């Protein structure tokens, strides 16, 4: 039966996020600190800039030098004029920046406006707050002066042209008046001499001169009126442009305050950390939860051993069932082995399970620690127990119990070169140990032999209530699978920090092919949580015959 999860993936709950953060808290902390460090580095390496803004109102003005109509300004055009090299050159002269190129000033200039307004916002950015205000004001005032100069030149030119023409008209009037006086004298002489024909000619000439004089007088009056109107408009008109608001040196630098940047870096780092933790949790295929282990192995979790300190992970210190007191973590581990013992005892009474192989998927996942402490727990409860060191390739139990010196063991018995020898474990009542013996060249064949089955039966005949056998990992060699068919049941130790779910599926498939009976699993290095909100698993214990 292959492991299948037909149910659709559940939506992530708040509890899942909290667990992900808890499991990967160091990644969250590290990324949060990285975010803060990057923000700090940015703050330290960046230079504060200041932006000052002046407001300029652009009023209607004459268009060109020949059209006296006041035209509404085109702010797009006026923005280009304000940001031109000509304006920048005036600013350079005004501020005494002879060594500065116009383009260098214009790069720091920004001009904005609303389409429905007549106001240009002139902003200048600099590392010098006072310099920023001075430059913004200089651009505003020089633009206003240039536009005002252009508008005033129209009226000045109008007055100048009209005055010049008026002087010429007056000269013409004087000349025509002199001509009229001359012809009047001639007419009087011709009239006195009775020269009627001559008088008629002179009258025609005088009539033409008087018509010209009348036209010149009318033009002169019009010119006088135009000059007066131009002078009146020039004196009363609105300026072509005016500075509504001068720039004030800014008191704070541009952008976010440094403190806000540091806080933002901290928050962003934390967010990245949280997201990373959740992704790591989602992508992690390690068998961390009892549900995953149970589904993968098609069995129940019989116990969960919390992560132990370095002093209790190897050697005699790992035999925590021989200790008293200690931390809450050690107490929880001892209680887990007692629960495992209770499950084994129930199986023994309900279905006669007395010989048990303890194995794992891969090396260093805690099978030897589990088998030795389980055997001790059974012995402490008054049951006669034999612990067999059947990992003939890399024996570990001898080191845990600090048993030294060469002595025939399981390998020699299986090889028919020695009798079975179960030696009493010092200071532990009801517990015997069968050493692994010398490392053989064919451990797989020995564990697959009839003598291994004979050993189990012989121990049972001798009144041993429980035989706990420590074997190599299932996926490393075929030893455990070969021996598993000769015992009543197999317990698989799962390292919650290392064992992959795919490995458990393979372990289950191998054991099922050999006809072995998988009676349960033990989760090792389980995160220790005292109780309450963040508790990861509710462990189910083996309570029925499989």
Protein backbone atom coordinates (compact mmCIF):
# COMPACT_ATOMS: atom_id res chain seq x y z
CA UNK A 1 0.00 0.00 0.00
CA UNK A 2 1.59 3.23 -1.14
CA UNK A 3 1.35 6.47 0.77
CA UNK A 4 -1.25 8.74 -0.75
CA UNK A 5 -2.70 11.98 0.41
CA UNK A 6 -5.91 12.32 -1.49
CA UNK A 7 -7.17 15.31 0.42
CA UNK A 8 -6.65 18.73 -1.06
CA UNK A 9 -4.04 20.90 0.69
CA UNK A 10 -5.54 22.90 3.51
CA UNK A 11 -5.34 26.67 3.48
CA UNK A 12 -2.62 28.05 5.71
CA UNK A 13 -3.86 29.07 9.14
CA UNK A 14 -2.42 31.53 11.61
CA UNK A 15 -1.16 28.58 13.61
CA UNK A 16 0.81 27.39 10.56
CA UNK A 17 2.47 30.79 10.18
CA UNK A 18 3.37 30.88 13.86
CA UNK A 19 4.85 27.41 13.68
CA UNK A 20 6.84 28.29 10.59
CA UNK A 21 8.28 31.35 12.32
CA UNK A 22 9.02 29.34 15.43
CA UNK A 23 10.83 26.61 13.51
CA UNK A 24 12.86 29.02 11.43
CA UNK A 25 13.24 31.78 13.98
CA UNK A 26 16.97 32.15 13.36
CA UNK A 27 16.36 32.75 9.66
CA UNK A 28 13.74 35.35 10.56
CA UNK A 29 16.11 37.05 13.01
CA UNK A 30 19.01 36.94 10.56
CA UNK A 31 17.02 38.43 7.68
CA UNK A 32 15.56 41.08 9.97
CA UNK A 33 19.06 42.08 11.01
CA UNK A 34 20.19 42.06 7.37
CA UNK A 35 17.36 44.45 6.49
CA UNK A 36 18.37 46.75 9.34
CA UNK A 37 22.05 46.53 8.36
CA UNK A 38 21.28 47.45 4.74
CA UNK A 39 19.17 50.39 5.87
CA UNK A 40 21.95 51.49 8.24
CA UNK A 41 24.54 51.23 5.46
CA UNK A 42 22.32 53.28 3.17
CA UNK A 43 21.81 55.94 5.81
CA UNK A 44 25.54 56.13 6.52
CA UNK A 45 26.54 56.35 2.85
CA UNK A 46 23.83 58.75 1.68
CA UNK A 47 24.14 62.54 1.69
CA UNK A 48 21.23 64.69 2.82
CA UNK A 49 19.70 66.91 0.17
CA UNK A 50 17.36 69.84 0.66
CA UNK A 51 14.73 71.19 -1.70
CA UNK A 52 13.51 74.78 -1.55
CA UNK A 53 10.52 76.03 -3.55
CA UNK A 54 9.48 79.46 -4.80
CA UNK A 55 6.15 80.32 -6.48
CA UNK A 56 5.84 82.52 -9.56
CA UNK A 57 2.58 83.86 -10.97
CA UNK A 58 2.59 84.37 -14.74
CA UNK A 59 0.13 87.11 -15.84
CA UNK A 60 -1.19 87.85 -19.35
CA UNK A 61 1.07 90.16 -21.38
CA UNK A 62 1.33 91.60 -24.92
CA UNK A 63 2.35 89.10 -27.55
CA UNK A 64 5.45 90.13 -29.47
CA UNK A 65 6.09 93.74 -30.36
CA UNK A 66 3.12 94.45 -32.65
CA UNK A 67 0.11 92.90 -30.85
CA UNK A 68 -1.21 94.89 -27.92
CA UNK A 69 -3.73 92.24 -26.85
CA UNK A 70 -3.02 90.62 -23.46
CA UNK A 71 -2.52 86.91 -24.09
CA UNK A 72 -2.98 84.20 -21.43
CA UNK A 73 0.40 82.57 -20.87
CA UNK A 74 1.15 78.99 -21.99
CA UNK A 75 2.74 77.49 -18.89
CA UNK A 76 4.43 74.70 -20.85
CA UNK A 77 6.24 77.36 -22.89
CA UNK A 78 6.99 79.46 -19.82
CA UNK A 79 8.43 76.42 -18.04
CA UNK A 80 10.83 75.92 -20.94
CA UNK A 81 11.80 79.59 -20.77
CA UNK A 82 12.39 79.41 -17.02
CA UNK A 83 14.48 76.25 -17.41
CA UNK A 84 16.50 77.61 -20.33
CA UNK A 85 20.25 78.14 -20.51
CA UNK A 86 19.65 81.88 -20.77
CA UNK A 87 17.88 81.96 -17.39
CA UNK A 88 20.52 79.68 -15.86
CA UNK A 89 23.26 82.00 -17.13
CA UNK A 90 21.58 84.97 -15.42
CA UNK A 91 21.39 82.96 -12.18
CA UNK A 92 25.10 82.13 -12.45
CA UNK A 93 25.89 85.82 -12.81
CA UNK A 94 23.50 86.77 -10.03
CA UNK A 95 24.92 84.22 -7.52
CA UNK A 96 28.53 84.62 -8.60
CA UNK A 97 28.90 81.02 -9.74
CA UNK A 98 31.29 81.69 -12.59
CA UNK A 99 32.79 78.19 -12.49
CA UNK A 100 29.40 76.46 -12.75
CA UNK A 101 27.95 75.33 -16.07
CA UNK A 102 24.27 76.13 -16.77
CA UNK A 103 23.48 72.43 -17.25
CA UNK A 104 24.79 71.68 -13.75
CA UNK A 105 22.22 74.08 -12.28
CA UNK A 106 19.39 72.91 -14.52
CA UNK A 107 19.86 69.26 -13.43
CA UNK A 108 18.86 70.27 -9.90
CA UNK A 109 15.92 72.42 -11.02
CA UNK A 110 12.34 71.19 -11.12
CA UNK A 111 9.36 73.21 -12.34
CA UNK A 112 5.77 72.11 -11.83
CA UNK A 113 2.36 73.66 -12.39
CA UNK A 114 -1.31 72.83 -12.41
CA UNK A 115 -2.93 73.09 -15.85
CA UNK A 116 -5.78 75.22 -14.49
CA UNK A 117 -3.54 77.74 -12.76
CA UNK A 118 -1.12 80.55 -13.65
CA UNK A 119 1.47 79.60 -11.04
CA UNK A 120 4.84 77.92 -11.60
CA UNK A 121 6.43 76.06 -8.68
CA UNK A 122 10.20 76.52 -8.91
CA UNK A 123 12.09 73.89 -6.85
CA UNK A 124 15.84 73.56 -6.47
CA UNK A 125 17.68 70.69 -4.73
CA UNK A 126 21.08 71.00 -3.12
CA UNK A 127 23.15 69.60 -0.27
CA UNK A 128 23.20 73.17 1.12
CA UNK A 129 19.82 74.15 2.52
CA UNK A 130 20.54 77.90 2.27
CA UNK A 131 22.02 77.46 -1.20
CA UNK A 132 18.88 75.61 -2.32
CA UNK A 133 16.68 78.54 -1.26
CA UNK A 134 19.03 81.09 -2.88
CA UNK A 135 19.06 79.22 -6.19
CA UNK A 136 15.27 78.76 -6.25
CA UNK A 137 14.80 82.48 -5.58
CA UNK A 138 17.41 83.41 -8.19
CA UNK A 139 15.67 81.36 -10.90
CA UNK A 140 12.28 82.82 -9.93
CA UNK A 141 13.41 86.47 -9.82
CA UNK A 142 15.50 86.28 -12.99
CA UNK A 143 12.61 84.73 -14.90
CA UNK A 144 10.23 87.42 -13.55
CA UNK A 145 12.70 90.18 -14.49
CA UNK A 146 13.17 88.78 -17.99
CA UNK A 147 9.42 88.44 -18.60
CA UNK A 148 8.77 91.89 -17.19
CA UNK A 149 11.51 93.32 -19.35
CA UNK A 150 9.96 91.70 -22.42
CA UNK A 151 6.50 93.05 -21.58
CA UNK A 152 7.79 96.56 -20.77
CA UNK A 153 9.76 96.67 -24.00
CA UNK A 154 6.51 96.42 -25.94
CA UNK A 155 5.12 99.54 -24.31
CA UNK A 156 8.43 101.38 -24.47
CA UNK A 157 8.71 100.59 -28.15
CA UNK A 158 5.11 101.73 -28.70
CA UNK A 159 5.76 105.07 -27.01
CA UNK A 160 9.09 105.55 -28.80
CA UNK A 161 7.65 104.78 -32.23
CA UNK A 162 4.65 107.03 -31.62
CA UNK A 163 6.85 109.87 -30.36
CA UNK A 164 9.16 109.60 -33.38
CA UNK A 165 6.22 109.63 -35.76
CA UNK A 166 4.67 112.54 -33.90
CA UNK A 167 7.81 114.61 -34.35
CA UNK A 168 7.83 113.85 -38.08
CA UNK A 169 4.14 114.74 -38.39
CA UNK A 170 4.69 118.03 -36.63
CA UNK A 171 7.55 118.85 -39.01
CA UNK A 172 5.27 118.07 -41.96
CA UNK A 173 2.50 120.23 -40.44
CA UNK A 174 4.96 123.13 -40.10
CA UNK A 175 6.17 122.74 -43.67
CA UNK A 176 2.63 122.57 -45.08
CA UNK A 177 1.61 125.60 -42.98
CA UNK A 178 4.55 127.56 -44.41
CA UNK A 179 3.51 126.47 -47.93
CA UNK A 180 -0.07 127.55 -47.28
CA UNK A 181 1.10 130.97 -46.05
CA UNK A 182 3.18 131.38 -49.20
CA UNK A 183 0.30 130.50 -51.52
CA UNK A 184 -2.07 132.81 -49.64
CA UNK A 185 0.33 135.71 -50.26
CA UNK A 186 0.46 134.78 -53.94
CA UNK A 187 -3.34 134.67 -54.16
CA UNK A 188 -3.66 138.12 -52.68
CA UNK A 189 -1.25 139.52 -55.26
CA UNK A 190 -3.05 137.73 -58.15
CA UNK A 191 -6.42 138.92 -56.91
CA UNK A 192 -5.14 142.53 -56.69
CA UNK A 193 -3.89 142.33 -60.31
CA UNK A 194 -7.22 140.87 -61.46
CA UNK A 195 -5.66 137.64 -62.57
CA UNK A 196 -8.70 135.46 -62.10
CA UNK A 197 -7.26 132.40 -63.78
CA UNK A 198 -4.20 132.49 -61.56
CA UNK A 199 -6.41 132.89 -58.49
CA UNK A 200 -8.35 129.77 -59.45
CA UNK A 201 -5.15 127.73 -59.77
CA UNK A 202 -3.88 128.98 -56.43
CA UNK A 203 -7.20 128.13 -54.72
CA UNK A 204 -6.91 124.55 -55.99
CA UNK A 205 -3.41 124.27 -54.60
CA UNK A 206 -4.46 125.73 -51.24
CA UNK A 207 -7.36 123.31 -51.03
CA UNK A 208 -5.03 120.32 -51.44
CA UNK A 209 -2.60 121.70 -48.88
CA UNK A 210 -5.38 122.32 -46.35
CA UNK A 211 -6.63 118.69 -46.86
CA UNK A 212 -3.13 117.36 -46.17
CA UNK A 213 -2.84 119.60 -43.14
CA UNK A 214 -6.12 118.31 -41.76
CA UNK A 215 -4.98 114.71 -42.16
CA UNK A 216 -1.69 115.45 -40.44
CA UNK A 217 -3.44 117.15 -37.55
CA UNK A 218 -5.74 114.15 -37.14
CA UNK A 219 -2.73 111.79 -37.16
CA UNK A 220 -0.97 113.98 -34.63
CA UNK A 221 -3.95 113.87 -32.32
CA UNK A 222 -4.11 110.06 -32.68
CA UNK A 223 -0.43 109.76 -31.88
CA UNK A 224 -0.82 111.92 -28.79
CA UNK A 225 -3.69 109.71 -27.67
CA UNK A 226 -1.69 106.52 -28.32
CA UNK A 227 1.26 107.83 -26.34
CA UNK A 228 -0.95 108.81 -23.44
CA UNK A 229 -2.72 105.41 -23.52
CA UNK A 230 0.57 103.52 -23.61
CA UNK A 231 1.96 105.57 -20.75
CA UNK A 232 -1.25 105.02 -18.77
CA UNK A 233 -1.24 101.26 -19.34
CA UNK A 234 2.45 101.08 -18.53
CA UNK A 235 1.81 102.89 -15.28
CA UNK A 236 -1.26 100.89 -14.19
CA UNK A 237 -0.85 97.39 -15.71
CA UNK A 238 -0.22 94.19 -13.75
CA UNK A 239 3.33 92.90 -13.95
CA UNK A 240 3.96 90.25 -16.58
CA UNK A 241 5.12 87.91 -13.78
CA UNK A 242 5.60 88.20 -10.06
CA UNK A 243 7.09 86.16 -7.24
CA UNK A 244 4.21 85.04 -5.04
CA UNK A 245 6.35 83.28 -2.46
CA UNK A 246 10.06 83.38 -1.95
CA UNK A 247 11.94 80.20 -1.14
CA UNK A 248 12.64 79.48 2.52
CA UNK A 249 15.65 77.39 3.55
CA UNK A 250 14.21 73.95 4.42
CA UNK A 251 14.76 72.62 7.93
CA UNK A 252 14.50 68.88 7.13
CA UNK A 253 16.23 66.89 4.39
CA UNK A 254 14.37 65.33 1.48
CA UNK A 255 12.89 61.86 1.67
CA UNK A 256 12.22 59.77 4.74
CA UNK A 257 13.93 60.66 8.01
CA UNK A 258 16.90 58.48 8.87
CA UNK A 259 15.03 56.92 11.77
CA UNK A 260 12.13 56.03 9.48
CA UNK A 261 14.54 54.41 6.99
CA UNK A 262 16.07 52.29 9.75
CA UNK A 263 12.64 51.25 10.99
CA UNK A 264 11.54 50.49 7.43
CA UNK A 265 14.65 48.35 6.89
CA UNK A 266 13.92 46.48 10.08
CA UNK A 267 10.28 45.92 9.11
CA UNK A 268 11.07 44.90 5.53
CA UNK A 269 13.77 42.53 6.76
CA UNK A 270 11.26 41.02 9.16
CA UNK A 271 8.67 40.63 6.41
CA UNK A 272 11.22 38.92 4.15
CA UNK A 273 12.17 36.73 7.11
CA UNK A 274 8.55 35.74 7.75
CA UNK A 275 7.95 34.98 4.07
CA UNK A 276 11.19 32.98 3.88
CA UNK A 277 10.26 31.01 6.99
CA UNK A 278 6.87 30.15 5.55
CA UNK A 279 8.39 29.16 2.18
CA UNK A 280 11.00 27.00 3.90
CA UNK A 281 8.22 25.37 5.88
CA UNK A 282 6.17 24.73 2.75
CA UNK A 283 9.16 23.39 0.78
CA UNK A 284 10.49 21.29 3.65
CA UNK A 285 9.84 17.60 3.01
CA UNK A 286 11.24 16.53 6.37
CA UNK A 287 8.85 14.35 8.38
CA UNK A 288 8.31 16.82 11.21
CA UNK A 289 4.74 16.04 12.26
CA UNK A 290 3.23 12.86 13.63
CA UNK A 291 0.55 12.98 10.94
CA UNK A 292 3.19 12.91 8.19
CA UNK A 293 5.08 10.05 9.86
CA UNK A 294 1.92 8.05 10.47
CA UNK A 295 0.72 8.41 6.88
CA UNK A 296 4.13 7.64 5.38
CA UNK A 297 4.71 4.50 7.49
CA UNK A 298 1.04 3.53 7.85
CA UNK A 299 1.48 3.22 11.59
CA UNK A 300 1.07 5.22 14.76
CA UNK A 301 3.62 7.39 16.51
CA UNK A 302 4.42 5.66 19.80
CA UNK A 303 6.51 8.43 21.31
CA UNK A 304 8.31 11.71 20.71
CA UNK A 305 11.77 12.35 22.14
CA UNK A 306 12.65 16.05 22.47
CA UNK A 307 15.97 17.40 21.24
CA UNK A 308 18.61 16.70 23.88
CA UNK A 309 21.65 18.78 24.72
CA UNK A 310 25.08 17.89 23.35
CA UNK A 311 26.01 16.11 26.58
CA UNK A 312 23.11 13.67 26.14
CA UNK A 313 23.44 12.86 22.46
CA UNK A 314 26.31 10.37 22.56
CA UNK A 315 28.12 8.10 25.00
CA UNK A 316 26.87 7.16 28.46
CA UNK A 317 25.24 10.59 28.82
CA UNK A 318 22.61 9.57 26.27
CA UNK A 319 21.24 6.92 28.68
CA UNK A 320 18.87 9.39 30.25
CA UNK A 321 16.75 6.63 31.81
CA UNK A 322 19.63 6.12 34.24
CA UNK A 323 19.49 9.76 35.39
CA UNK A 324 17.27 11.53 37.86
CA UNK A 325 16.22 15.14 38.02
CA UNK A 326 17.58 17.39 35.31
CA UNK A 327 15.89 19.93 33.08
CA UNK A 328 12.29 19.87 31.93
CA UNK A 329 13.55 18.66 28.55
CA UNK A 330 15.27 15.60 30.11
CA UNK A 331 12.20 14.87 32.20
CA UNK A 332 10.05 15.01 29.07
CA UNK A 333 12.42 12.60 27.30
CA UNK A 334 12.27 10.10 30.18
CA UNK A 335 8.50 10.32 30.18
CA UNK A 336 8.48 9.69 26.40
CA UNK A 337 10.45 6.45 26.89
CA UNK A 338 8.07 5.38 29.65
CA UNK A 339 5.15 5.91 27.29
CA UNK A 340 6.98 3.93 24.63
CA UNK A 341 7.50 1.17 27.20
CA UNK A 342 3.78 1.17 28.02
CA UNK A 343 2.93 0.82 24.34
CA UNK A 344 5.30 -2.15 23.98
CA UNK A 345 3.86 -3.78 27.09
CA UNK A 346 0.34 -3.38 25.74
CA UNK A 347 1.40 -5.02 22.46
CA UNK A 348 3.03 -7.81 24.43
CA UNK A 349 -0.12 -8.54 26.39
CA UNK A 350 -2.51 -8.15 23.45
CA UNK A 351 -0.59 -9.79 20.60
CA UNK A 352 2.52 -11.36 22.04
CA UNK A 353 5.06 -8.83 20.78
CA UNK A 354 8.27 -9.52 22.67
CA UNK A 355 11.09 -9.29 20.11
CA UNK A 356 11.52 -5.86 18.56
CA UNK A 357 13.92 -4.40 16.03
CA UNK A 358 14.68 -0.69 16.42
CA UNK A 359 15.95 0.85 13.19
CA UNK A 360 15.80 4.08 11.17
CA UNK A 361 15.93 5.25 7.57
CA UNK A 362 19.48 6.64 7.66
CA UNK A 363 22.44 6.74 10.06
CA UNK A 364 22.63 9.06 13.08
CA UNK A 365 18.88 9.41 13.50
CA UNK A 366 18.75 8.10 17.10
CA UNK A 367 17.96 4.40 16.80
CA UNK A 368 20.71 3.28 19.22
CA UNK A 369 19.73 5.94 21.77
CA UNK A 370 16.10 4.85 21.48
CA UNK A 371 16.74 1.11 21.69
CA UNK A 372 19.05 1.41 24.73
CA UNK A 373 16.73 3.72 26.69
CA UNK A 374 13.71 1.57 25.79
CA UNK A 375 15.51 -1.51 27.07
CA UNK A 376 16.46 0.28 30.29
CA UNK A 377 12.85 1.46 30.75
CA UNK A 378 11.56 -2.11 30.32
CA UNK A 379 14.15 -3.42 32.79
CA UNK A 380 13.33 -0.71 35.34
CA UNK A 381 9.72 -1.85 35.21
CA UNK A 382 10.79 -5.34 36.31
CA UNK A 383 10.79 -7.02 32.90
CA UNK A 384 13.69 -9.29 31.93
CA UNK A 385 15.12 -7.62 28.83
CA UNK A 386 18.01 -8.44 26.49
CA UNK A 387 19.47 -5.67 24.35
CA UNK A 388 21.14 -6.96 21.17
CA UNK A 389 23.81 -4.95 19.37
CA UNK A 390 22.96 -6.14 15.83
CA UNK A 391 24.55 -3.25 13.96
CA UNK A 392 27.51 -5.40 13.00
CA UNK A 393 29.01 -2.72 10.75
CA UNK A 394 29.05 0.22 13.17
CA UNK A 395 28.19 -1.02 16.66
CA UNK A 396 27.16 1.72 19.06
CA UNK A 397 25.55 0.14 22.13
CA UNK A 398 28.92 -0.89 23.62
CA UNK A 399 30.02 2.74 23.63
CA UNK A 400 26.77 3.88 25.22
CA UNK A 401 27.13 1.40 28.09
CA UNK A 402 30.89 1.97 28.27
CA UNK A 403 31.62 -1.73 27.73
CA UNK A 404 35.19 -2.22 26.56
CA UNK A 405 37.50 -5.07 25.64
CA UNK A 406 37.22 -7.78 22.96
CA UNK A 407 34.75 -10.55 23.57
CA UNK A 408 32.79 -12.92 21.33
CA UNK A 409 29.37 -11.59 20.51
CA UNK A 410 26.53 -11.79 18.01
CA UNK A 411 28.78 -12.02 14.95
CA UNK A 412 30.63 -15.03 16.38
CA UNK A 413 27.36 -16.72 17.41
CA UNK A 414 25.79 -16.22 13.98
CA UNK A 415 28.99 -17.46 12.39
CA UNK A 416 28.80 -20.62 14.57
CA UNK A 417 32.18 -19.94 16.15
CA UNK A 418 30.95 -19.19 19.67
CA UNK A 419 28.01 -19.75 21.97
CA UNK A 420 25.41 -17.06 22.62
CA UNK A 421 26.59 -14.90 25.46
CA UNK A 422 24.29 -12.33 27.08
CA UNK A 423 26.26 -10.43 29.68
CA UNK A 424 24.67 -8.62 32.58
CA UNK A 425 24.73 -4.83 32.26
CA UNK A 426 26.36 -3.43 35.41
CA UNK A 427 24.15 -1.55 37.85
CA UNK A 428 20.96 -2.18 35.86
CA UNK A 429 18.68 -4.89 37.18
CA UNK A 430 16.98 -7.20 34.65
CA UNK A 431 19.03 -5.99 31.67
CA UNK A 432 21.51 -8.05 29.61
CA UNK A 433 23.49 -7.04 26.55
CA UNK A 434 24.65 -9.16 23.62
CA UNK A 435 27.64 -7.50 22.05
CA UNK A 436 28.07 -7.21 18.29
CA UNK A 437 31.43 -8.98 18.38
CA UNK A 438 34.14 -8.64 15.75
CA UNK A 439 33.12 -6.94 12.52
CA UNK A 440 32.34 -9.74 10.01
CA UNK A 441 32.81 -9.64 6.26
CA UNK A 442 29.24 -10.75 5.58
CA UNK A 443 26.94 -9.07 8.14
CA UNK A 444 23.92 -9.16 5.84
CA UNK A 445 24.10 -12.92 5.38
CA UNK A 446 24.55 -13.49 9.11
CA UNK A 447 21.45 -11.49 10.03
CA UNK A 448 19.50 -13.32 7.34
CA UNK A 449 20.45 -16.73 8.70
CA UNK A 450 18.46 -19.33 10.60
CA UNK A 451 20.78 -18.86 13.57
CA UNK A 452 19.46 -15.29 14.02
CA UNK A 453 15.94 -16.68 14.24
CA UNK A 454 17.24 -19.39 16.55
CA UNK A 455 18.81 -16.75 18.82
CA UNK A 456 15.48 -14.96 19.23
CA UNK A 457 13.64 -18.16 20.06
CA UNK A 458 16.39 -19.30 22.42
CA UNK A 459 16.19 -16.04 24.37
CA UNK A 460 12.43 -16.38 24.67
CA UNK A 461 12.83 -19.95 25.95
CA UNK A 462 15.28 -18.71 28.57
CA UNK A 463 12.49 -16.57 30.06
CA UNK A 464 13.45 -13.24 28.49
CA UNK A 465 10.34 -11.12 28.27
CA UNK A 466 11.64 -8.56 25.77
CA UNK A 467 14.38 -8.67 23.14
CA UNK A 468 15.29 -5.22 21.83
CA UNK A 469 17.54 -5.39 18.76
CA UNK A 470 19.51 -2.41 17.44
CA UNK A 471 20.10 -2.87 13.68
CA UNK A 472 21.64 -0.78 10.89
CA UNK A 473 19.47 1.79 9.04
CA UNK A 474 17.09 0.32 6.48
CA UNK A 475 18.23 2.46 3.55
CA UNK A 476 21.94 2.02 4.22
CA UNK A 477 22.04 -1.78 4.10
CA UNK A 478 19.71 -4.73 3.75
CA UNK A 479 20.63 -5.99 7.25
CA UNK A 480 17.61 -4.62 9.10
CA UNK A 481 15.14 -5.82 6.46
CA UNK A 482 16.74 -9.27 6.50
CA UNK A 483 16.48 -9.60 10.27
CA UNK A 484 13.05 -7.95 10.60
CA UNK A 485 11.12 -11.00 9.39
CA UNK A 486 12.39 -13.04 12.37
CA UNK A 487 11.01 -10.72 15.07
CA UNK A 488 7.57 -9.78 16.28
CA UNK A 489 7.73 -6.15 15.23
CA UNK A 490 9.77 -3.23 13.97
CA UNK A 491 9.99 0.30 15.38
CA UNK A 492 11.30 3.03 13.06
CA UNK A 493 13.04 6.02 14.63
CA UNK A 494 12.38 9.26 12.72
CA UNK A 495 14.71 12.24 13.08
CA UNK A 496 12.39 15.24 12.73
CA UNK A 497 15.32 17.42 11.66
CA UNK A 498 16.67 15.10 8.96
CA UNK A 499 14.39 12.26 7.89
CA UNK A 500 12.62 12.92 4.59
CA UNK A 501 9.08 11.74 4.01
CA UNK A 502 10.23 10.04 0.79
CA UNK A 503 12.75 8.01 2.83
CA UNK A 504 9.99 6.81 5.15
CA UNK A 505 7.94 5.71 2.16
CA UNK A 506 10.92 3.67 0.98
CA UNK A 507 11.44 2.17 4.45
CA UNK A 508 7.81 1.15 4.59
CA UNK A 509 7.96 -0.40 1.12
CA UNK A 510 11.12 -2.38 1.98
CA UNK A 511 9.68 -3.72 5.24
CA UNK A 512 6.38 -4.65 3.61
CA UNK A 513 8.17 -6.56 0.85
CA UNK A 514 10.06 -8.59 3.46
CA UNK A 515 6.86 -9.48 5.28
CA UNK A 516 7.92 -7.60 8.41
CA UNK A 517 5.47 -6.16 10.88
CA UNK A 518 5.85 -2.43 11.48
CA UNK A 519 4.37 -1.77 14.91
CA UNK A 520 5.12 1.92 15.34
CA UNK A 521 7.40 4.93 14.99
CA UNK A 522 9.33 7.10 17.42
CA UNK A 523 9.99 10.74 16.61
CA UNK A 524 13.43 11.86 17.74
CA UNK A 525 14.69 15.42 18.19
CA UNK A 526 11.17 16.73 18.38
CA UNK A 527 10.94 20.41 19.20
CA UNK A 528 10.40 20.73 22.92
CA UNK A 529 7.38 22.84 23.80
CA UNK A 530 6.13 23.02 27.32
CA UNK A 531 2.45 23.48 26.46
CA UNK A 532 -0.22 25.67 25.10
CA UNK A 533 -0.72 27.80 22.04
CA UNK A 534 2.21 26.66 19.91
CA UNK A 535 2.14 22.92 20.67
CA UNK A 536 2.94 21.16 17.45
CA UNK A 537 1.53 17.68 17.77
CA UNK A 538 -0.93 15.70 19.75
CA UNK A 539 0.71 12.29 19.73
CA UNK A 540 -1.39 9.22 19.23
CA UNK A 541 -0.21 6.07 20.94
CA UNK A 542 -0.51 2.56 19.74
CA UNK A 543 -3.64 1.12 21.27
CA UNK A 544 -4.81 -1.60 18.87
CA UNK A 545 -3.48 -4.82 17.44
CA UNK A 546 -2.11 -4.39 13.93
